[in-house]
Structure formats: C-alpha cells, structure tokens
Amino acid sequence: MWEINLSYREKLQPSFNRLYEKRDLLHEARPLPQIALQKIQEALSVEWTYNSNSIEGNTLTLQETQLVLQEGITIKGKSLREHFEAKNHELALHHLYTLVREDYQLNASDILDLHRYVLRSIEEDYAGRLRTGGVRISGANFVPPNARKVSDLLDELIQFVLENPLQLNDIELATVFHHKFVWIHPFFDGNGRTVRLVMNLLLLKVGFTPAIILSTDRKKYYSALNTANKGNYYKLSLLMVQALERTMNIYIGSLPDNDMGFMEISNLVQEESLPYGQEYISLLARQGKIDAYKEGRNWLTTEEAVLNYIHNRERKRAL
C-alpha cells in the first residue's frame, strides 16, 4: 500500500522550492493585517465550500453558496440537501481551524469528527462512522478494500503521516494522504469533502494556506487520482501544487507593498514584450514550469515568472 513512485520529484522540485519560499515570506510578514486576513479567510471559506461541494455534484453556484452562508438565504429551486451541504462544510471548516496548531498530531477521532460535520442532518446514520459494507466508485479504476480492513488501513495511513518514513515534504505528504484516503474510501458518503478538509489540515498546521481544488478541474482531479492508483503521483502532485500556489499568492498579494503583478496570460502577452505566445505560456503554466495559478478557467502569471523561466532554461543549456 505504501509503495510510492517518487520519479515526479525532479519535475516538481522548482515548484516545491517556490512554495516553501512563499511560506517563509508569509511567516516573516506575520502578523498579517487583521482586516485583510479576515476578508481573505471569509472569501476562501466560501470558495473552498463551493468548489469542494461542486466537485461532488452540488449545484449551488459560488454566488448562491455565499448567499446561503453569509446571508442565510434559501435558494429557490435548490434542494434542502444542497443547502445542508453548504452549511455543514462551513461548520466543518470552523472546527478544522480550531485544530490548526504547529504541534497538531493527526488522529482518527478528528477525521471522524470532520466527517460528522460534513454529513450532519443528511446521513445521520453514517455521519462520523466508518463504512460497514462494500462500495464502488463510478468512473474509478479500482474497487475500495473490504469494509473489515478499513479501520486498520486508516490507522496505518495515519501512522504513515505521523512517521513519514519516506521523508516526504509537507506538500507531498498531504498529496499521498489524499490519494490513499480516497483509495481506502473509509465512509459510505462524504469521502471527498472529508479528505480535502483533512489534507488542508496537514498543510495549515505547517504554515501553508489551504489548497483549494477548483470544480473546473474536476475531470483533471479524478483522472489524477486514477493515475495515482497506478503508482504515478505526478498529475495529482502538480494539481496540488497549483491549487496551493493560487491561495499562497492571494495571501502574499494582500501584504503591504507586495503587488505581485499577476495577470491573465492573454492580457500579459498583449501588454509585455515576451518571446513566447499565449498558447506556449499557458502550456508552461499547466505543466507547473512557471509561477502561475488558475482562476476559474483562466491562468494568471507574471512577466517575471516567464523571464525567470527563460533565464533558467538558458543557464541549463550553457552548462
């Protein structure tokens, strides 16, 4: 179960390095401006709730999710379950943030508590309880293990995270946890939302911002999980890096005198004299070769990121 192909590391090492540099920058800037921090957390909580629920089929839009959470409005034509899913995820987030501290140790009890929040008033019989029967996942290339093995496998996964025998970095460890948890599929329902909460608990406790997987990347996300089932973690790790890069940039952009200059690639190409066209720069962004992040379906990057890529490429050629 714990055999992991680490061949992706070389491709993603520049991205890992960049994210740790950004984490250090945020750490040095603390305490962040309180008003700005509160606004970012509120906005990201809505985004996190919307995207995580949307991936699982909830049809509330981002704006509707905001109205449900912040205004208490009931959306006409949307099911009661969809409203509960939004409110439940918000409550789970509030609980998650009470757990975040540097010395936090992952445990089964907290995972069950988060799952209990996710399914409260929806599937009360299963909320906070491991599954007792078999399940099949539509579109997946595997069958989750027998229910009798779930408890032991979850304990093994938690122990793997605590001991980190492969000396994975924090981002890798959260990524592997994410995949293995989905593979175990410990619950009848709510696995996806729960794993994305716990994955981010692992990131938040070490000083990163949450990695919010966008609903527009749903197909890419499921494809990456299926690829990871075959031992290849590159696609899932890249998706994680890009999701994390986006929120790290949002936080850094809130710092005084720290305008990072991110622009949609189409606008950047028009405004700056760059040797590459929009399609090639977009490809570099999708491949994680430049500092870039995604908003909806659009990629954003900076002139500096493109020029750094050119410089590093020329330096490698000269060696």
Protein backbone atom coordinates (compact mmCIF):
# COMPACT_ATOMS: atom_id res chain seq x y z
CA MET A 1 0.00 0.00 0.00
CA TRP A 2 2.81 2.43 0.80
CA GLU A 3 4.95 1.85 -2.29
CA ILE A 4 5.24 5.27 -3.88
CA ASN A 5 6.98 6.18 -7.12
CA LEU A 6 8.93 9.39 -6.43
CA SER A 7 10.12 9.91 -10.01
CA TYR A 8 7.93 13.04 -10.29
CA ARG A 9 10.12 14.91 -7.80
CA GLU A 10 12.63 16.31 -10.27
CA LYS A 11 9.91 17.90 -12.39
CA LEU A 12 8.16 19.48 -9.42
CA GLN A 13 11.14 20.41 -7.25
CA PRO A 14 11.24 24.03 -8.53
CA SER A 15 7.55 24.37 -7.63
CA PHE A 16 8.11 22.88 -4.18
CA ASN A 17 11.02 25.26 -3.60
CA ARG A 18 8.95 28.23 -4.72
CA LEU A 19 6.07 27.33 -2.38
CA TYR A 20 8.40 26.98 0.60
CA GLU A 21 9.89 30.38 -0.22
CA LYS A 22 6.39 31.86 -0.26
CA ARG A 23 5.58 30.18 3.04
CA ASP A 24 8.71 31.71 4.56
CA LEU A 25 7.74 35.11 3.18
CA LEU A 26 4.32 34.86 4.82
CA HIS A 27 5.89 33.70 8.07
CA GLU A 28 8.24 36.68 8.13
CA ALA A 29 5.35 39.05 7.42
CA ARG A 30 3.27 37.84 10.37
CA PRO A 31 1.18 39.13 11.94
CA LEU A 32 -0.68 39.86 8.70
CA PRO A 33 -3.04 42.86 8.60
CA GLN A 34 -6.06 41.62 10.56
CA ILE A 35 -8.75 43.16 8.37
CA ALA A 36 -7.14 41.87 5.18
CA LEU A 37 -6.64 38.43 6.75
CA GLN A 38 -10.28 38.21 7.84
CA LYS A 39 -11.54 39.20 4.38
CA ILE A 40 -9.32 36.61 2.68
CA GLN A 41 -10.36 33.83 5.06
CA GLU A 42 -14.05 34.64 4.57
CA ALA A 43 -13.70 34.66 0.78
CA LEU A 44 -11.62 31.48 0.70
CA SER A 45 -14.04 29.70 3.04
CA VAL A 46 -16.86 30.38 0.58
CA GLU A 47 -14.67 29.30 -2.35
CA TRP A 48 -13.50 26.18 -0.53
CA THR A 49 -17.08 25.21 0.35
CA TYR A 50 -18.38 25.92 -3.14
CA ASN A 51 -15.61 24.06 -5.00
CA SER A 52 -15.48 21.03 -2.71
CA ASN A 53 -19.27 20.59 -2.82
CA SER A 54 -19.44 21.28 -6.55
CA ILE A 55 -16.91 18.53 -7.25
CA GLU A 56 -19.33 16.14 -5.52
CA GLY A 57 -22.33 17.31 -7.59
CA ASN A 58 -23.81 20.16 -5.53
CA THR A 59 -25.40 22.64 -7.98
CA LEU A 60 -25.23 25.81 -5.85
CA THR A 61 -23.18 28.44 -7.68
CA LEU A 62 -20.40 30.37 -5.98
CA GLN A 63 -22.69 33.38 -5.50
CA GLU A 64 -25.53 31.18 -4.21
CA THR A 65 -23.14 29.49 -1.78
CA GLN A 66 -22.13 32.92 -0.49
CA LEU A 67 -25.78 33.92 -0.01
CA VAL A 68 -26.54 30.70 1.89
CA LEU A 69 -23.51 31.03 4.16
CA GLN A 70 -23.27 34.76 4.75
CA GLU A 71 -26.89 35.92 4.35
CA GLY A 72 -28.80 32.80 5.41
CA ILE A 73 -30.85 32.94 2.22
CA THR A 74 -32.66 29.88 0.88
CA ILE A 75 -32.10 29.47 -2.87
CA LYS A 76 -35.24 28.71 -4.86
CA GLY A 77 -35.02 25.51 -6.90
CA LYS A 78 -32.13 24.06 -4.88
CA SER A 79 -32.60 21.00 -2.68
CA LEU A 80 -32.54 21.02 1.11
CA ARG A 81 -29.58 18.65 0.96
CA GLU A 82 -27.57 21.13 -1.10
CA HIS A 83 -28.23 23.84 1.49
CA PHE A 84 -27.19 21.47 4.29
CA GLU A 85 -24.01 20.57 2.39
CA ALA A 86 -23.01 24.23 2.26
CA LYS A 87 -23.76 24.95 5.93
CA ASN A 88 -22.19 21.66 7.04
CA HIS A 89 -18.96 22.36 5.20
CA GLU A 90 -18.78 25.80 6.79
CA LEU A 91 -19.20 24.24 10.25
CA ALA A 92 -16.54 21.65 9.42
CA LEU A 93 -14.19 24.47 8.42
CA HIS A 94 -14.79 26.29 11.70
CA HIS A 95 -13.96 23.08 13.57
CA LEU A 96 -10.89 22.46 11.41
CA TYR A 97 -9.43 25.87 12.24
CA THR A 98 -9.71 25.08 15.97
CA LEU A 99 -7.38 22.13 15.38
CA VAL A 100 -4.68 24.03 13.49
CA ARG A 101 -1.51 24.38 15.51
CA GLU A 102 2.12 23.54 14.89
CA ASP A 103 2.22 20.57 17.27
CA TYR A 104 -1.04 19.03 15.99
CA GLN A 105 -0.94 15.25 15.52
CA LEU A 106 -3.37 13.70 13.06
CA ASN A 107 -5.75 11.16 14.62
CA ALA A 108 -8.79 9.11 13.67
CA SER A 109 -11.08 10.87 16.13
CA ASP A 110 -10.65 14.26 14.45
CA ILE A 111 -11.18 12.74 11.00
CA LEU A 112 -14.46 11.18 12.20
CA ASP A 113 -15.50 14.49 13.76
CA LEU A 114 -14.93 16.35 10.48
CA HIS A 115 -16.91 13.70 8.63
CA ARG A 116 -19.69 14.04 11.20
CA TYR A 117 -19.94 17.74 10.40
CA VAL A 118 -19.98 17.03 6.65
CA LEU A 119 -22.96 14.66 6.86
CA ARG A 120 -24.93 16.12 9.79
CA SER A 121 -28.68 16.29 9.08
CA ILE A 122 -28.04 14.50 5.76
CA GLU A 123 -26.94 10.95 6.55
CA GLU A 124 -27.12 10.87 10.34
CA ASP A 125 -26.81 7.07 10.48
CA TYR A 126 -23.44 7.22 8.72
CA ALA A 127 -22.07 10.57 9.93
CA GLY A 128 -18.77 10.11 11.75
CA ARG A 129 -18.82 6.33 11.27
CA LEU A 130 -16.63 4.08 9.14
CA ARG A 131 -18.44 2.10 6.48
CA THR A 132 -19.58 -1.42 7.29
CA GLY A 133 -20.15 -2.62 3.74
CA GLY A 134 -18.65 -2.61 0.27
CA VAL A 135 -18.71 0.37 -2.08
CA ARG A 136 -17.95 1.02 -5.72
CA ILE A 137 -16.86 4.38 -7.15
CA SER A 138 -18.27 5.44 -10.50
CA GLY A 139 -15.51 6.12 -13.02
CA ALA A 140 -12.70 4.85 -10.79
CA ASN A 141 -10.19 2.23 -11.93
CA PHE A 142 -10.21 0.33 -8.63
CA VAL A 143 -12.53 -1.21 -6.05
CA PRO A 144 -12.04 0.05 -2.47
CA PRO A 145 -10.90 -2.53 0.08
CA ASN A 146 -13.24 -4.73 2.08
CA ALA A 147 -15.01 -2.92 4.92
CA ARG A 148 -13.38 -5.23 7.50
CA LYS A 149 -9.98 -3.78 6.56
CA VAL A 150 -10.96 -0.11 6.64
CA SER A 151 -10.24 0.63 10.31
CA ASP A 152 -6.76 -0.92 10.22
CA LEU A 153 -5.93 0.71 6.89
CA LEU A 154 -6.95 4.13 8.18
CA ASP A 155 -4.81 3.63 11.28
CA GLU A 156 -1.88 2.62 9.05
CA LEU A 157 -2.35 5.73 6.93
CA ILE A 158 -2.40 7.99 9.98
CA GLN A 159 0.75 6.29 11.28
CA PHE A 160 2.38 6.78 7.88
CA VAL A 161 1.66 10.51 8.08
CA LEU A 162 2.97 10.78 11.65
CA GLU A 163 6.19 8.84 10.98
CA ASN A 164 6.76 9.97 7.38
CA PRO A 165 9.13 7.05 6.66
CA LEU A 166 9.88 8.24 3.11
CA GLN A 167 10.83 11.74 4.31
CA LEU A 168 8.32 13.38 2.01
CA ASN A 169 8.00 17.15 2.13
CA ASP A 170 4.78 18.57 3.61
CA ILE A 171 3.10 19.03 0.22
CA GLU A 172 3.98 15.51 -0.90
CA LEU A 173 2.78 14.06 2.40
CA ALA A 174 -0.60 15.80 2.09
CA THR A 175 -0.88 14.61 -1.52
CA VAL A 176 -0.12 10.97 -0.69
CA PHE A 177 -2.52 11.11 2.27
CA HIS A 178 -5.20 12.48 -0.05
CA HIS A 179 -4.83 9.66 -2.56
CA LYS A 180 -4.53 6.82 -0.04
CA PHE A 181 -7.56 8.08 1.89
CA VAL A 182 -9.65 8.07 -1.30
CA TRP A 183 -8.33 4.58 -2.08
CA ILE A 184 -9.38 3.31 1.36
CA HIS A 185 -12.73 5.14 0.97
CA PRO A 186 -13.50 4.79 4.68
CA PHE A 187 -17.07 6.15 4.54
CA PHE A 188 -20.23 5.34 2.61
CA ASP A 189 -20.56 9.01 1.66
CA GLY A 190 -18.65 12.26 2.17
CA ASN A 191 -15.17 10.87 1.48
CA GLY A 192 -14.15 13.60 -0.97
CA ARG A 193 -15.17 16.56 1.15
CA THR A 194 -13.63 15.00 4.24
CA VAL A 195 -10.29 14.20 2.63
CA ARG A 196 -9.99 17.71 1.22
CA LEU A 197 -10.55 19.07 4.72
CA VAL A 198 -8.01 16.77 6.37
CA MET A 199 -5.46 17.27 3.59
CA ASN A 200 -5.62 21.00 4.25
CA LEU A 201 -5.37 20.48 7.99
CA LEU A 202 -1.97 18.89 7.28
CA LEU A 203 -0.94 21.90 5.17
CA LEU A 204 -2.28 24.57 7.53
CA LYS A 205 -0.52 23.11 10.57
CA VAL A 206 2.87 23.63 8.91
CA GLY A 207 2.18 27.21 7.82
CA PHE A 208 0.78 26.81 4.31
CA THR A 209 -2.51 28.22 3.09
CA PRO A 210 -5.30 25.82 2.03
CA ALA A 211 -5.05 24.11 -1.35
CA ILE A 212 -8.48 24.55 -2.92
CA ILE A 213 -9.05 22.20 -5.85
CA LEU A 214 -11.30 24.05 -8.30
CA SER A 215 -14.51 22.49 -9.58
CA THR A 216 -13.40 23.44 -13.11
CA ASP A 217 -10.58 20.91 -12.60
CA ARG A 218 -12.96 18.12 -11.61
CA LYS A 219 -12.16 15.84 -14.57
CA LYS A 220 -8.44 16.52 -14.20
CA TYR A 221 -8.70 15.78 -10.47
CA TYR A 222 -10.40 12.42 -10.91
CA SER A 223 -8.00 11.50 -13.69
CA ALA A 224 -5.05 12.35 -11.41
CA LEU A 225 -6.45 10.13 -8.64
CA ASN A 226 -6.85 7.24 -11.10
CA THR A 227 -3.27 7.74 -12.29
CA ALA A 228 -2.07 7.71 -8.67
CA ASN A 229 -3.77 4.32 -8.25
CA LYS A 230 -1.16 3.05 -10.71
CA GLY A 231 1.67 4.48 -8.62
CA ASN A 232 2.24 7.68 -10.61
CA TYR A 233 1.79 10.77 -8.42
CA TYR A 234 2.91 13.43 -10.89
CA LYS A 235 -0.54 14.63 -12.03
CA LEU A 236 -2.01 14.71 -8.53
CA SER A 237 1.07 16.43 -7.10
CA LEU A 238 1.00 19.02 -9.89
CA LEU A 239 -2.68 19.72 -9.24
CA MET A 240 -1.95 20.10 -5.54
CA VAL A 241 0.96 22.46 -6.21
CA GLN A 242 -1.17 24.64 -8.49
CA ALA A 243 -4.07 24.76 -6.02
CA LEU A 244 -1.70 25.74 -3.22
CA GLU A 245 0.14 28.30 -5.36
CA ARG A 246 -3.12 30.10 -6.01
CA THR A 247 -4.01 30.68 -2.36
CA MET A 248 -0.41 31.44 -1.37
CA ASN A 249 -0.37 34.19 -4.00
CA ILE A 250 -3.69 35.57 -2.73
CA TYR A 251 -2.27 35.89 0.79
CA ILE A 252 1.04 37.34 -0.36
CA GLY A 253 -0.77 39.81 -2.60
CA SER A 254 -2.52 41.18 0.50
CA LEU A 255 0.77 42.21 2.10
CA PRO A 256 1.57 45.92 2.09
CA ASP A 257 3.75 46.94 -0.88
CA ASN A 258 3.57 43.44 -2.35
CA ASP A 259 1.83 43.73 -5.70
CA MET A 260 2.92 40.52 -7.41
CA GLY A 261 1.69 41.66 -10.82
CA PHE A 262 -0.30 38.56 -11.77
CA MET A 263 -2.33 38.96 -14.96
CA GLU A 264 -4.36 36.72 -17.21
CA ILE A 265 -1.93 35.32 -19.78
CA SER A 266 -3.89 36.77 -22.70
CA ASN A 267 -3.55 40.28 -21.24
CA LEU A 268 0.08 39.75 -20.25
CA VAL A 269 1.07 38.81 -23.79
CA GLN A 270 -0.64 41.94 -25.14
CA GLU A 271 0.97 44.31 -22.63
CA GLU A 272 4.50 42.92 -22.35
CA SER A 273 7.15 42.20 -24.96
CA LEU A 274 7.66 38.49 -24.39
CA PRO A 275 9.32 35.99 -26.75
CA TYR A 276 6.54 33.43 -26.22
CA GLY A 277 2.92 33.49 -27.33
CA GLN A 278 -0.19 32.91 -25.25
CA GLU A 279 -0.52 29.20 -26.04
CA TYR A 280 3.05 28.35 -25.05
CA ILE A 281 2.93 30.38 -21.82
CA SER A 282 -0.39 28.71 -20.98
CA LEU A 283 1.26 25.33 -21.54
CA LEU A 284 4.11 26.28 -19.19
CA ALA A 285 1.52 27.26 -16.57
CA ARG A 286 -0.42 24.00 -16.91
CA GLN A 287 2.80 22.00 -16.63
CA GLY A 288 3.86 23.85 -13.49
CA LYS A 289 7.02 25.21 -15.11
CA ILE A 290 6.32 28.83 -14.20
CA ASP A 291 4.82 30.60 -11.20
CA ALA A 292 1.15 30.65 -12.20
CA TYR A 293 -2.29 29.89 -10.84
CA LYS A 294 -5.81 29.36 -12.08
CA GLU A 295 -8.95 31.45 -11.55
CA GLY A 296 -11.97 29.63 -12.95
CA ARG A 297 -10.75 28.53 -16.37
CA ASN A 298 -8.14 31.27 -16.82
CA TRP A 299 -4.45 31.07 -15.99
CA LEU A 300 -2.61 34.00 -14.43
CA THR A 301 1.13 34.60 -14.31
CA THR A 302 3.67 37.45 -14.28
CA GLU A 303 6.26 38.82 -16.64
CA GLU A 304 8.90 37.99 -14.03
CA ALA A 305 7.82 34.33 -13.96
CA VAL A 306 8.19 34.00 -17.74
CA LEU A 307 11.55 35.79 -17.77
CA ASN A 308 12.82 33.59 -14.91
CA TYR A 309 11.87 30.51 -16.92
CA ILE A 310 13.77 31.84 -19.94
CA HIS A 311 16.81 32.66 -17.80
CA ASN A 312 16.88 29.23 -16.13
CA ARG A 313 16.46 27.47 -19.47
CA GLU A 314 19.37 29.39 -20.99
CA ARG A 315 21.51 28.70 -17.92
CA LYS A 316 20.86 24.94 -18.19
CA ARG A 317 21.77 24.98 -21.88
CA ALA A 318 25.06 26.71 -21.05
CA LEU A 319 26.07 24.03 -18.53
